[in-house]
Amino acid sequence: MTAATESPGPVPALDLSAQVVVDLAEESQAYHAEFAELFWRREQPQWSLKYLQGLVQPDGGKSVERLAWRQCAQHAAVHRRRGVG
């Protein structure tokens, strides 16, 4: 087995308090805000934040296509619950 194919082993469990999660969310939003002036189109900040949120999700792939699919599925589920569309 080469270094490129070796398994890194089990992923350690994270034991984060609710406050730590809130702090991390605030820090990631502040990090995202640092780039606000670089977005040219109105929808870019929204989608880039969704992309960052997708990167920290524990499940699934991290490709742009996979993250977009997950966001669309979540959006559709919200509308179904509200009886819209």
C-alpha atoms as a PDB file:
ATOM      1  CA  MET A   1       0.000   0.000   0.000  1.00  0.00           C
ATOM      2  CA  THR A   2       1.410   3.397  -0.953  1.00  0.00           C
ATOM      3  CA  ALA A   3       1.196   6.557   1.103  1.00  0.00           C
ATOM      4  CA  ALA A   4      -1.418   7.926  -1.317  1.00  0.00           C
ATOM      5  CA  THR A   5      -3.761   4.963  -0.756  1.00  0.00           C
ATOM      6  CA  GLU A   6      -3.233   4.312   2.944  1.00  0.00           C
ATOM      7  CA  SER A   7      -6.218   4.873   5.166  1.00  0.00           C
ATOM      8  CA  PRO A   8      -5.613   7.579   7.765  1.00  0.00           C
ATOM      9  CA  GLY A   9      -7.411   5.428  10.319  1.00  0.00           C
ATOM     10  CA  PRO A  10     -10.577   6.156  12.246  1.00  0.00           C
ATOM     11  CA  VAL A  11     -11.772   9.729  12.439  1.00  0.00           C
ATOM     12  CA  PRO A  12     -11.675  10.922  16.042  1.00  0.00           C
ATOM     13  CA  ALA A  13     -15.013  11.805  17.587  1.00  0.00           C
ATOM     14  CA  LEU A  14     -15.717  15.475  18.145  1.00  0.00           C
ATOM     15  CA  ASP A  15     -17.316  16.424  21.410  1.00  0.00           C
ATOM     16  CA  LEU A  16     -18.327  20.038  20.815  1.00  0.00           C
ATOM     17  CA  SER A  17     -20.580  21.981  23.118  1.00  0.00           C
ATOM     18  CA  ALA A  18     -23.485  23.962  21.693  1.00  0.00           C
ATOM     19  CA  GLN A  19     -21.611  27.183  22.446  1.00  0.00           C
ATOM     20  CA  VAL A  20     -18.535  26.023  20.518  1.00  0.00           C
ATOM     21  CA  VAL A  21     -20.731  25.236  17.510  1.00  0.00           C
ATOM     22  CA  VAL A  22     -22.340  28.688  17.712  1.00  0.00           C
ATOM     23  CA  ASP A  23     -18.900  30.304  17.973  1.00  0.00           C
ATOM     24  CA  LEU A  24     -17.636  28.358  14.962  1.00  0.00           C
ATOM     25  CA  ALA A  25     -20.691  29.399  12.938  1.00  0.00           C
ATOM     26  CA  GLU A  26     -20.121  33.054  13.826  1.00  0.00           C
ATOM     27  CA  GLU A  27     -16.430  32.797  12.951  1.00  0.00           C
ATOM     28  CA  SER A  28     -17.196  31.219   9.579  1.00  0.00           C
ATOM     29  CA  GLN A  29     -19.716  33.966   8.788  1.00  0.00           C
ATOM     30  CA  ALA A  30     -17.144  36.609   9.739  1.00  0.00           C
ATOM     31  CA  TYR A  31     -14.570  34.876   7.521  1.00  0.00           C
ATOM     32  CA  HIS A  32     -17.084  34.840   4.668  1.00  0.00           C
ATOM     33  CA  ALA A  33     -17.871  38.539   5.174  1.00  0.00           C
ATOM     34  CA  GLU A  34     -14.204  39.403   4.581  1.00  0.00           C
ATOM     35  CA  PHE A  35     -14.771  38.544   0.913  1.00  0.00           C
ATOM     36  CA  ALA A  36     -18.041  40.478   0.455  1.00  0.00           C
ATOM     37  CA  GLU A  37     -16.551  43.204  -1.720  1.00  0.00           C
ATOM     38  CA  LEU A  38     -15.178  40.618  -4.138  1.00  0.00           C
ATOM     39  CA  PHE A  39     -18.601  39.365  -5.197  1.00  0.00           C
ATOM     40  CA  TRP A  40     -19.943  41.024  -8.311  1.00  0.00           C
ATOM     41  CA  ARG A  41     -23.357  39.444  -8.569  1.00  0.00           C
ATOM     42  CA  ARG A  42     -26.092  39.593  -5.970  1.00  0.00           C
ATOM     43  CA  GLU A  43     -26.457  35.814  -5.553  1.00  0.00           C
ATOM     44  CA  GLN A  44     -22.743  35.054  -5.171  1.00  0.00           C
ATOM     45  CA  PRO A  45     -22.478  35.755  -1.420  1.00  0.00           C
ATOM     46  CA  GLN A  46     -25.458  33.496  -0.692  1.00  0.00           C
ATOM     47  CA  TRP A  47     -24.145  30.587  -2.744  1.00  0.00           C
ATOM     48  CA  SER A  48     -20.588  30.900  -1.509  1.00  0.00           C
ATOM     49  CA  LEU A  49     -21.816  30.720   2.087  1.00  0.00           C
ATOM     50  CA  LYS A  50     -23.847  27.616   1.205  1.00  0.00           C
ATOM     51  CA  TYR A  51     -20.669  26.153  -0.313  1.00  0.00           C
ATOM     52  CA  LEU A  52     -18.706  26.777   2.887  1.00  0.00           C
ATOM     53  CA  GLN A  53     -21.498  25.235   4.948  1.00  0.00           C
ATOM     54  CA  GLY A  54     -21.500  22.202   2.684  1.00  0.00           C
ATOM     55  CA  LEU A  55     -17.780  21.692   3.132  1.00  0.00           C
ATOM     56  CA  VAL A  56     -18.188  21.153   6.866  1.00  0.00           C
ATOM     57  CA  GLN A  57     -21.097  18.709   6.575  1.00  0.00           C
ATOM     58  CA  PRO A  58     -20.151  15.270   7.884  1.00  0.00           C
ATOM     59  CA  ASP A  59     -21.748  13.225   5.116  1.00  0.00           C
ATOM     60  CA  GLY A  60     -21.313  12.792   1.401  1.00  0.00           C
ATOM     61  CA  GLY A  61     -18.897  14.112  -1.164  1.00  0.00           C
ATOM     62  CA  LYS A  62     -17.578  17.643  -1.223  1.00  0.00           C
ATOM     63  CA  SER A  63     -17.716  18.333  -4.965  1.00  0.00           C
ATOM     64  CA  VAL A  64     -19.556  21.450  -6.103  1.00  0.00           C
ATOM     65  CA  GLU A  65     -22.117  19.256  -7.862  1.00  0.00           C
ATOM     66  CA  ARG A  66     -22.818  17.211  -4.732  1.00  0.00           C
ATOM     67  CA  LEU A  67     -23.097  20.310  -2.545  1.00  0.00           C
ATOM     68  CA  ALA A  68     -25.456  21.979  -5.032  1.00  0.00           C
ATOM     69  CA  TRP A  69     -27.605  18.869  -5.243  1.00  0.00           C
ATOM     70  CA  ARG A  70     -27.870  18.722  -1.438  1.00  0.00           C
ATOM     71  CA  GLN A  71     -28.863  22.412  -1.266  1.00  0.00           C
ATOM     72  CA  CYS A  72     -31.529  21.960  -3.950  1.00  0.00           C
ATOM     73  CA  ALA A  73     -32.911  18.904  -2.173  1.00  0.00           C
ATOM     74  CA  GLN A  74     -33.092  20.797   1.136  1.00  0.00           C
ATOM     75  CA  HIS A  75     -34.748  23.777  -0.574  1.00  0.00           C
ATOM     76  CA  ALA A  76     -37.362  21.526  -2.194  1.00  0.00           C
ATOM     77  CA  ALA A  77     -38.077  19.794   1.135  1.00  0.00           C
ATOM     78  CA  VAL A  78     -38.702  23.145   2.852  1.00  0.00           C
ATOM     79  CA  HIS A  79     -41.160  24.151   0.138  1.00  0.00           C
ATOM     80  CA  ARG A  80     -42.970  20.804   0.376  1.00  0.00           C
ATOM     81  CA  ARG A  81     -43.371  21.263   4.141  1.00  0.00           C
ATOM     82  CA  ARG A  82     -44.773  24.749   3.568  1.00  0.00           C
ATOM     83  CA  GLY A  83     -47.080  23.510   0.820  1.00  0.00           C
ATOM     84  CA  VAL A  84     -45.381  25.669  -1.819  1.00  0.00           C
ATOM     85  CA  GLY A  85     -44.710  24.402  -5.350  1.00  0.00           C
END
